[in-house]
C-alpha atoms as a PDB file:
ATOM      1  CA  UNK A   1      -0.005  -0.008  -0.014  1.00  0.00           C
ATOM      2  CA  UNK A   2       1.466   3.315  -1.031  1.00  0.00           C
ATOM      3  CA  UNK A   3       1.448   6.427   1.197  1.00  0.00           C
ATOM      4  CA  UNK A   4      -1.338   7.979  -0.970  1.00  0.00           C
ATOM      5  CA  UNK A   5      -3.439   4.766  -0.958  1.00  0.00           C
ATOM      6  CA  UNK A   6      -3.077   4.599   2.842  1.00  0.00           C
ATOM      7  CA  UNK A   7      -4.111   8.276   3.179  1.00  0.00           C
ATOM      8  CA  UNK A   8      -7.127   7.829   0.832  1.00  0.00           C
ATOM      9  CA  UNK A   9      -8.225   4.656   2.619  1.00  0.00           C
ATOM     10  CA  UNK A  10      -8.022   6.293   6.080  1.00  0.00           C
ATOM     11  CA  UNK A  11     -10.304   9.061   4.964  1.00  0.00           C
ATOM     12  CA  UNK A  12     -13.008   6.676   3.645  1.00  0.00           C
ATOM     13  CA  UNK A  13     -14.293   6.061   7.131  1.00  0.00           C
ATOM     14  CA  UNK A  14     -17.401   8.057   8.197  1.00  0.00           C
ATOM     15  CA  UNK A  15     -16.617  11.272  10.035  1.00  0.00           C
ATOM     16  CA  UNK A  16     -12.862  10.801   9.605  1.00  0.00           C
ATOM     17  CA  UNK A  17     -10.562  13.727   9.074  1.00  0.00           C
ATOM     18  CA  UNK A  18      -6.860  14.630   9.065  1.00  0.00           C
ATOM     19  CA  UNK A  19      -5.166  16.703  11.733  1.00  0.00           C
ATOM     20  CA  UNK A  20      -1.564  17.683  12.555  1.00  0.00           C
ATOM     21  CA  UNK A  21      -1.510  18.222  16.395  1.00  0.00           C
ATOM     22  CA  UNK A  22       2.087  16.913  16.654  1.00  0.00           C
ATOM     23  CA  UNK A  23       3.472  18.876  13.729  1.00  0.00           C
ATOM     24  CA  UNK A  24       3.641  18.444   9.921  1.00  0.00           C
ATOM     25  CA  UNK A  25       5.605  15.243  10.117  1.00  0.00           C
ATOM     26  CA  UNK A  26       2.789  13.192  11.707  1.00  0.00           C
ATOM     27  CA  UNK A  27      -0.620  12.763  10.055  1.00  0.00           C
ATOM     28  CA  UNK A  28      -3.203  12.051  12.679  1.00  0.00           C
ATOM     29  CA  UNK A  29      -6.460  10.563  11.475  1.00  0.00           C
ATOM     30  CA  UNK A  30      -9.347  11.246  13.744  1.00  0.00           C
ATOM     31  CA  UNK A  31     -13.058  10.448  13.937  1.00  0.00           C
ATOM     32  CA  UNK A  32     -15.629  12.795  15.433  1.00  0.00           C
ATOM     33  CA  UNK A  33     -16.214  16.510  15.517  1.00  0.00           C
ATOM     34  CA  UNK A  34     -13.661  18.666  13.733  1.00  0.00           C
ATOM     35  CA  UNK A  35     -15.070  22.107  14.582  1.00  0.00           C
ATOM     36  CA  UNK A  36     -13.136  22.535  17.851  1.00  0.00           C
ATOM     37  CA  UNK A  37     -10.180  20.331  17.044  1.00  0.00           C
ATOM     38  CA  UNK A  38     -11.751  17.459  18.940  1.00  0.00           C
ATOM     39  CA  UNK A  39     -12.217  13.973  17.771  1.00  0.00           C
ATOM     40  CA  UNK A  40     -10.475  10.763  18.711  1.00  0.00           C
ATOM     41  CA  UNK A  41      -7.330   9.373  17.024  1.00  0.00           C
ATOM     42  CA  UNK A  42      -7.649   6.053  15.269  1.00  0.00           C
ATOM     43  CA  UNK A  43      -4.440   6.180  13.128  1.00  0.00           C
ATOM     44  CA  UNK A  44      -1.199   8.027  13.024  1.00  0.00           C
ATOM     45  CA  UNK A  45       1.278   8.057  10.183  1.00  0.00           C
ATOM     46  CA  UNK A  46       4.868   9.197  10.559  1.00  0.00           C
ATOM     47  CA  UNK A  47       5.028  10.755   7.098  1.00  0.00           C
ATOM     48  CA  UNK A  48       8.790  11.350   6.917  1.00  0.00           C
ATOM     49  CA  UNK A  49       9.929   7.842   7.896  1.00  0.00           C
ATOM     50  CA  UNK A  50      11.148   5.179   5.498  1.00  0.00           C
ATOM     51  CA  UNK A  51       9.498   2.763   5.766  1.00  0.00           C
ATOM     52  CA  UNK A  52       6.329   4.615   6.808  1.00  0.00           C
ATOM     53  CA  UNK A  53       5.219   3.967  10.383  1.00  0.00           C
ATOM     54  CA  UNK A  54       1.472   3.484  10.956  1.00  0.00           C
ATOM     55  CA  UNK A  55       0.116   3.400  14.506  1.00  0.00           C
ATOM     56  CA  UNK A  56      -3.280   1.784  15.142  1.00  0.00           C
ATOM     57  CA  UNK A  57      -5.408   1.051  18.126  1.00  0.00           C
ATOM     58  CA  UNK A  58      -5.753  -2.694  18.672  1.00  0.00           C
ATOM     59  CA  UNK A  59      -7.273  -5.302  21.007  1.00  0.00           C
ATOM     60  CA  UNK A  60      -4.522  -5.988  23.602  1.00  0.00           C
ATOM     61  CA  UNK A  61      -4.545  -9.792  23.067  1.00  0.00           C
ATOM     62  CA  UNK A  62      -4.378  -9.428  19.340  1.00  0.00           C
ATOM     63  CA  UNK A  63      -1.633  -6.823  19.671  1.00  0.00           C
ATOM     64  CA  UNK A  64       0.595  -9.359  21.345  1.00  0.00           C
ATOM     65  CA  UNK A  65      -0.211 -12.027  18.767  1.00  0.00           C
ATOM     66  CA  UNK A  66       0.615  -9.677  15.825  1.00  0.00           C
ATOM     67  CA  UNK A  67       3.921  -8.761  17.454  1.00  0.00           C
ATOM     68  CA  UNK A  68       4.797 -12.459  17.676  1.00  0.00           C
ATOM     69  CA  UNK A  69       3.861 -13.151  14.046  1.00  0.00           C
ATOM     70  CA  UNK A  70       5.294 -10.016  12.341  1.00  0.00           C
ATOM     71  CA  UNK A  71       8.677  -8.481  13.202  1.00  0.00           C
ATOM     72  CA  UNK A  72       7.443  -5.160  11.692  1.00  0.00           C
ATOM     73  CA  UNK A  73       4.596  -4.901  14.253  1.00  0.00           C
ATOM     74  CA  UNK A  74       5.872  -3.136  17.338  1.00  0.00           C
ATOM     75  CA  UNK A  75       4.453  -1.726  20.549  1.00  0.00           C
ATOM     76  CA  UNK A  76       2.892   1.668  19.885  1.00  0.00           C
ATOM     77  CA  UNK A  77       5.502   4.411  19.387  1.00  0.00           C
ATOM     78  CA  UNK A  78       4.856   7.149  21.987  1.00  0.00           C
ATOM     79  CA  UNK A  79       1.427   5.503  22.642  1.00  0.00           C
ATOM     80  CA  UNK A  80      -0.029   3.022  25.105  1.00  0.00           C
ATOM     81  CA  UNK A  81       1.966  -0.165  24.479  1.00  0.00           C
ATOM     82  CA  UNK A  82      -1.050  -2.190  25.546  1.00  0.00           C
ATOM     83  CA  UNK A  83      -3.652  -0.640  23.207  1.00  0.00           C
ATOM     84  CA  UNK A  84      -1.604   0.517  20.222  1.00  0.00           C
ATOM     85  CA  UNK A  85       0.688  -1.047  17.641  1.00  0.00           C
ATOM     86  CA  UNK A  86       3.123   0.680  15.323  1.00  0.00           C
ATOM     87  CA  UNK A  87       3.468  -1.111  11.994  1.00  0.00           C
ATOM     88  CA  UNK A  88       6.436  -0.575   9.740  1.00  0.00           C
ATOM     89  CA  UNK A  89       5.025  -0.604   6.236  1.00  0.00           C
ATOM     90  CA  UNK A  90       7.563  -2.853   4.565  1.00  0.00           C
ATOM     91  CA  UNK A  91       5.024  -5.136   2.891  1.00  0.00           C
ATOM     92  CA  UNK A  92       5.432  -7.847   5.544  1.00  0.00           C
ATOM     93  CA  UNK A  93       1.800  -7.330   6.711  1.00  0.00           C
ATOM     94  CA  UNK A  94      -0.402  -8.020   3.705  1.00  0.00           C
ATOM     95  CA  UNK A  95      -2.583  -5.101   2.480  1.00  0.00           C
ATOM     96  CA  UNK A  96      -5.838  -6.942   3.150  1.00  0.00           C
ATOM     97  CA  UNK A  97      -4.751  -7.589   6.757  1.00  0.00           C
ATOM     98  CA  UNK A  98      -3.596  -4.014   7.077  1.00  0.00           C
ATOM     99  CA  UNK A  99      -7.030  -2.786   5.954  1.00  0.00           C
ATOM    100  CA  UNK A 100      -8.642  -5.071   8.497  1.00  0.00           C
ATOM    101  CA  UNK A 101      -6.435  -3.672  11.267  1.00  0.00           C
ATOM    102  CA  UNK A 102      -7.309  -0.130  10.233  1.00  0.00           C
ATOM    103  CA  UNK A 103     -10.983  -1.031  10.315  1.00  0.00           C
ATOM    104  CA  UNK A 104     -10.548  -2.522  13.782  1.00  0.00           C
ATOM    105  CA  UNK A 105      -8.801   0.634  15.033  1.00  0.00           C
ATOM    106  CA  UNK A 106     -11.621   2.768  13.720  1.00  0.00           C
ATOM    107  CA  UNK A 107     -14.235   0.492  15.287  1.00  0.00           C
ATOM    108  CA  UNK A 108     -12.467   0.432  18.639  1.00  0.00           C
ATOM    109  CA  UNK A 109     -12.211   4.237  18.563  1.00  0.00           C
ATOM    110  CA  UNK A 110     -15.820   4.873  17.600  1.00  0.00           C
ATOM    111  CA  UNK A 111     -17.122   2.327  20.149  1.00  0.00           C
ATOM    112  CA  UNK A 112     -14.991   3.986  22.862  1.00  0.00           C
ATOM    113  CA  UNK A 113     -16.351   7.413  21.815  1.00  0.00           C
ATOM    114  CA  UNK A 114     -19.915   6.153  22.381  1.00  0.00           C
ATOM    115  CA  UNK A 115     -19.208   4.805  25.877  1.00  0.00           C
END
């Protein structure tokens, strides 16, 4: 998945939008209200890294399993190590699984926002 394909896919989710609260080097994809800079993060992309680093919210048990299976899935970079993974986009994680993990992150974020 290219950087553009990733960006376009992340913005296909309902009420998703792009923000830069940590500076221009980190794209933060949020869901929720944009008017006041609110919303909840469901994905972060370190735009200047090679390979790209994508951080996603994840079920804690699945997080551990993914880290065992893929050497490019790491504990969340500057995030909760229990609830977030950072994925180095080298191609090791197949695109269809990556899309599924993005969907899960979005779902976990939107369900948490409703609680």
